[in-house]
N, C-alpha and C. Protein backbone atom coordinates (compact mmCIF):
# COMPACT_ATOMS: atom_id res chain seq x y z
N MET A 1 67.17 62.78 132.91
CA MET A 1 66.99 61.59 132.12
C MET A 1 66.47 60.41 132.93
N LYS A 2 66.80 60.34 134.21
CA LYS A 2 66.37 59.20 135.00
C LYS A 2 64.88 59.27 135.33
N PHE A 3 64.24 60.44 135.17
CA PHE A 3 62.80 60.57 135.40
C PHE A 3 61.97 60.28 134.14
N LEU A 4 62.64 60.20 133.02
CA LEU A 4 61.95 59.99 131.75
C LEU A 4 61.25 58.63 131.69
N GLY A 5 61.89 57.59 132.18
CA GLY A 5 61.31 56.24 132.17
C GLY A 5 60.03 56.16 132.98
N PRO A 6 60.02 56.59 134.26
CA PRO A 6 58.79 56.54 135.04
C PRO A 6 57.68 57.44 134.48
N ILE A 7 58.05 58.57 133.89
CA ILE A 7 57.05 59.45 133.29
C ILE A 7 56.38 58.76 132.11
N ILE A 8 57.18 58.12 131.28
CA ILE A 8 56.62 57.40 130.12
C ILE A 8 55.72 56.26 130.59
N ILE A 9 56.16 55.54 131.61
CA ILE A 9 55.34 54.44 132.15
C ILE A 9 54.02 54.98 132.70
N LEU A 10 54.07 56.11 133.44
CA LEU A 10 52.84 56.71 133.96
C LEU A 10 51.92 57.16 132.83
N LEU A 11 52.46 57.74 131.79
CA LEU A 11 51.65 58.15 130.65
C LEU A 11 50.99 56.95 129.97
N ILE A 12 51.75 55.89 129.80
CA ILE A 12 51.20 54.68 129.19
C ILE A 12 50.08 54.11 130.05
N MET A 13 50.30 54.08 131.39
CA MET A 13 49.25 53.58 132.29
C MET A 13 48.01 54.47 132.22
N HIS A 14 48.21 55.76 132.15
CA HIS A 14 47.08 56.70 132.08
C HIS A 14 46.26 56.46 130.81
N PHE A 15 46.95 56.34 129.68
CA PHE A 15 46.24 56.14 128.41
C PHE A 15 45.59 54.75 128.34
N GLN A 16 46.22 53.75 128.92
CA GLN A 16 45.61 52.43 128.96
C GLN A 16 44.34 52.44 129.82
N TYR A 17 44.39 53.15 130.94
CA TYR A 17 43.21 53.27 131.79
C TYR A 17 42.07 53.92 131.02
N ARG A 18 42.37 55.03 130.33
CA ARG A 18 41.33 55.72 129.58
C ARG A 18 40.81 54.84 128.44
N LEU A 19 41.68 54.09 127.82
CA LEU A 19 41.27 53.23 126.71
C LEU A 19 40.32 52.14 127.18
N TRP A 20 40.57 51.51 128.31
CA TRP A 20 39.78 50.37 128.75
C TRP A 20 38.69 50.71 129.74
N LEU A 21 38.87 51.74 130.57
CA LEU A 21 37.92 51.99 131.66
C LEU A 21 37.37 53.41 131.71
N GLY A 22 38.01 54.36 131.11
CA GLY A 22 37.60 55.76 131.25
C GLY A 22 36.48 56.17 130.31
N ASP A 23 36.23 57.48 130.27
CA ASP A 23 35.22 58.02 129.35
C ASP A 23 35.63 57.73 127.92
N GLY A 24 34.68 57.26 127.14
CA GLY A 24 34.97 56.92 125.75
C GLY A 24 35.78 55.65 125.61
N SER A 25 35.71 54.78 126.60
CA SER A 25 36.47 53.53 126.56
C SER A 25 35.92 52.61 125.47
N MET A 26 36.65 51.58 125.20
CA MET A 26 36.22 50.63 124.17
C MET A 26 34.90 49.97 124.56
N LYS A 27 34.74 49.65 125.86
CA LYS A 27 33.50 49.03 126.32
C LYS A 27 32.32 49.98 126.12
N GLU A 28 32.51 51.22 126.46
CA GLU A 28 31.46 52.22 126.30
C GLU A 28 31.14 52.44 124.82
N THR A 29 32.17 52.45 123.99
CA THR A 29 31.97 52.63 122.55
C THR A 29 31.18 51.46 121.96
N ARG A 30 31.49 50.23 122.39
CA ARG A 30 30.73 49.08 121.91
C ARG A 30 29.27 49.16 122.34
N ALA A 31 29.04 49.59 123.57
CA ALA A 31 27.66 49.72 124.06
C ALA A 31 26.90 50.75 123.24
N TYR A 32 27.55 51.87 122.93
CA TYR A 32 26.91 52.90 122.10
C TYR A 32 26.64 52.40 120.69
N GLN A 33 27.57 51.62 120.14
CA GLN A 33 27.37 51.07 118.80
C GLN A 33 26.19 50.10 118.79
N GLN A 34 26.07 49.29 119.83
CA GLN A 34 24.95 48.35 119.91
C GLN A 34 23.64 49.11 120.06
N GLN A 35 23.64 50.15 120.88
CA GLN A 35 22.43 50.96 121.06
C GLN A 35 22.05 51.65 119.76
N LEU A 36 23.04 52.13 119.03
CA LEU A 36 22.79 52.77 117.74
C LEU A 36 22.19 51.78 116.74
N ALA A 37 22.71 50.56 116.72
CA ALA A 37 22.19 49.54 115.81
C ALA A 37 20.73 49.22 116.15
N GLU A 38 20.42 49.12 117.44
CA GLU A 38 19.04 48.85 117.84
C GLU A 38 18.12 50.00 117.45
N LEU A 39 18.58 51.22 117.63
CA LEU A 39 17.77 52.38 117.26
C LEU A 39 17.56 52.47 115.75
N LYS A 40 18.59 52.11 114.99
CA LYS A 40 18.44 52.10 113.53
C LYS A 40 17.40 51.07 113.11
N LYS A 41 17.44 49.89 113.73
CA LYS A 41 16.48 48.83 113.42
C LYS A 41 15.06 49.29 113.76
N LEU A 42 14.91 49.89 114.93
CA LEU A 42 13.60 50.40 115.36
C LEU A 42 13.12 51.49 114.41
N GLY A 43 14.01 52.38 114.00
CA GLY A 43 13.65 53.44 113.06
C GLY A 43 13.20 52.88 111.72
N GLU A 44 13.87 51.84 111.25
CA GLU A 44 13.49 51.21 109.99
C GLU A 44 12.11 50.56 110.10
N GLU A 45 11.85 49.90 111.22
CA GLU A 45 10.53 49.29 111.42
C GLU A 45 9.44 50.36 111.43
N LYS A 46 9.71 51.47 112.10
CA LYS A 46 8.73 52.56 112.16
C LYS A 46 8.52 53.18 110.78
N ARG A 47 9.60 53.30 110.00
CA ARG A 47 9.48 53.85 108.66
C ARG A 47 8.61 52.96 107.78
N GLN A 48 8.82 51.65 107.87
CA GLN A 48 8.02 50.72 107.07
C GLN A 48 6.55 50.76 107.50
N ARG A 49 6.31 50.84 108.81
CA ARG A 49 4.94 50.93 109.30
C ARG A 49 4.28 52.20 108.80
N ASN A 50 5.02 53.31 108.82
CA ASN A 50 4.46 54.58 108.34
C ASN A 50 4.13 54.52 106.85
N GLU A 51 5.00 53.86 106.08
CA GLU A 51 4.72 53.73 104.64
C GLU A 51 3.44 52.93 104.41
N LYS A 52 3.24 51.87 105.18
CA LYS A 52 2.01 51.07 105.04
C LYS A 52 0.79 51.90 105.42
N LEU A 53 0.91 52.68 106.49
CA LEU A 53 -0.22 53.51 106.90
C LEU A 53 -0.53 54.58 105.87
N ILE A 54 0.49 55.17 105.28
CA ILE A 54 0.29 56.19 104.24
C ILE A 54 -0.41 55.56 103.04
N ALA A 55 0.02 54.36 102.65
CA ALA A 55 -0.61 53.67 101.52
C ALA A 55 -2.07 53.35 101.84
N GLU A 56 -2.34 52.94 103.06
CA GLU A 56 -3.72 52.62 103.45
C GLU A 56 -4.59 53.88 103.44
N VAL A 57 -4.07 54.99 103.92
CA VAL A 57 -4.82 56.25 103.90
C VAL A 57 -5.11 56.67 102.47
N MET A 58 -4.13 56.53 101.59
CA MET A 58 -4.34 56.88 100.18
C MET A 58 -5.44 56.00 99.58
N ASP A 59 -5.41 54.70 99.89
CA ASP A 59 -6.45 53.80 99.39
C ASP A 59 -7.83 54.21 99.89
N LEU A 60 -7.91 54.53 101.16
CA LEU A 60 -9.20 54.92 101.74
C LEU A 60 -9.70 56.23 101.15
N GLN A 61 -8.81 57.13 100.83
CA GLN A 61 -9.22 58.41 100.24
C GLN A 61 -9.63 58.26 98.78
N ASN A 62 -9.11 57.26 98.09
CA ASN A 62 -9.31 57.17 96.65
C ASN A 62 -10.40 56.22 96.20
N GLY A 63 -10.92 55.37 97.07
CA GLY A 63 -11.91 54.44 96.52
C GLY A 63 -12.74 53.73 97.56
N LYS A 64 -13.89 53.24 97.07
CA LYS A 64 -14.81 52.52 97.94
C LYS A 64 -14.34 51.10 98.18
N GLU A 65 -13.53 50.55 97.28
CA GLU A 65 -13.09 49.17 97.42
C GLU A 65 -12.31 48.97 98.72
N ALA A 66 -11.46 49.91 99.04
CA ALA A 66 -10.67 49.80 100.26
C ALA A 66 -11.56 49.90 101.49
N ILE A 67 -12.55 50.78 101.44
CA ILE A 67 -13.47 50.93 102.57
C ILE A 67 -14.28 49.65 102.75
N GLU A 68 -14.75 49.10 101.63
CA GLU A 68 -15.52 47.86 101.71
C GLU A 68 -14.67 46.71 102.23
N GLU A 69 -13.44 46.62 101.76
CA GLU A 69 -12.54 45.57 102.22
C GLU A 69 -12.29 45.70 103.72
N ARG A 70 -12.08 46.91 104.17
CA ARG A 70 -11.85 47.16 105.60
C ARG A 70 -13.08 46.77 106.43
N ALA A 71 -14.28 47.12 105.94
CA ALA A 71 -15.51 46.78 106.66
C ALA A 71 -15.70 45.27 106.72
N ARG A 72 -15.36 44.57 105.64
CA ARG A 72 -15.50 43.12 105.62
C ARG A 72 -14.53 42.46 106.61
N GLU A 73 -13.29 42.90 106.59
CA GLU A 73 -12.29 42.28 107.46
C GLU A 73 -12.50 42.62 108.93
N ASP A 74 -12.69 43.89 109.22
CA ASP A 74 -12.74 44.32 110.62
C ASP A 74 -14.12 44.15 111.26
N LEU A 75 -15.18 44.35 110.49
CA LEU A 75 -16.52 44.34 111.07
C LEU A 75 -17.33 43.12 110.67
N GLY A 76 -16.81 42.31 109.75
CA GLY A 76 -17.53 41.11 109.33
C GLY A 76 -18.76 41.42 108.49
N MET A 77 -18.78 42.51 107.79
CA MET A 77 -19.95 42.89 106.99
C MET A 77 -20.01 42.07 105.71
N ILE A 78 -21.23 41.81 105.26
CA ILE A 78 -21.46 41.13 103.99
C ILE A 78 -22.54 41.89 103.24
N ARG A 79 -22.59 41.67 101.93
CA ARG A 79 -23.62 42.31 101.09
C ARG A 79 -24.94 41.57 101.27
N PRO A 80 -26.06 42.22 100.98
CA PRO A 80 -27.37 41.57 101.15
C PRO A 80 -27.53 40.31 100.30
N GLU A 81 -26.94 40.25 99.11
CA GLU A 81 -27.12 39.09 98.25
C GLU A 81 -26.11 37.98 98.55
N GLU A 82 -25.20 38.17 99.49
CA GLU A 82 -24.19 37.17 99.81
C GLU A 82 -24.67 36.28 100.96
N THR A 83 -24.09 35.06 101.00
CA THR A 83 -24.37 34.13 102.08
C THR A 83 -23.08 33.95 102.89
N PHE A 84 -23.21 33.98 104.19
CA PHE A 84 -22.08 33.86 105.08
C PHE A 84 -21.93 32.42 105.56
N PHE A 85 -20.75 31.85 105.41
CA PHE A 85 -20.47 30.52 105.90
C PHE A 85 -19.33 30.64 106.90
N GLN A 86 -19.49 30.03 108.06
CA GLN A 86 -18.44 30.02 109.06
C GLN A 86 -17.92 28.60 109.17
N VAL A 87 -16.62 28.42 108.99
CA VAL A 87 -16.01 27.11 109.04
C VAL A 87 -15.30 26.99 110.40
N ILE A 88 -15.68 25.96 111.16
CA ILE A 88 -15.08 25.73 112.46
C ILE A 88 -14.17 24.51 112.35
N GLU A 89 -12.94 24.69 112.76
CA GLU A 89 -11.97 23.59 112.67
C GLU A 89 -12.00 22.74 113.92
């Protein structure tokens, strides 16, 4: 019976060490949770970007309007009957 007290104290110290400093500690768990949250955010951004790209591909496959719009925006193309005005601020 006289060894029961020190054994219990050693067990409590062991579990407290593991809780605060060992493998799977609270600090490590918080770091993993933060990393998971960042990865979820990154995954959501990538998913939204992929949806936009899929929609753009569908537009390009289905019509000339999207191709013309892309040529106007990216290449600065205009139709022969149009006049180009450049506004400098």
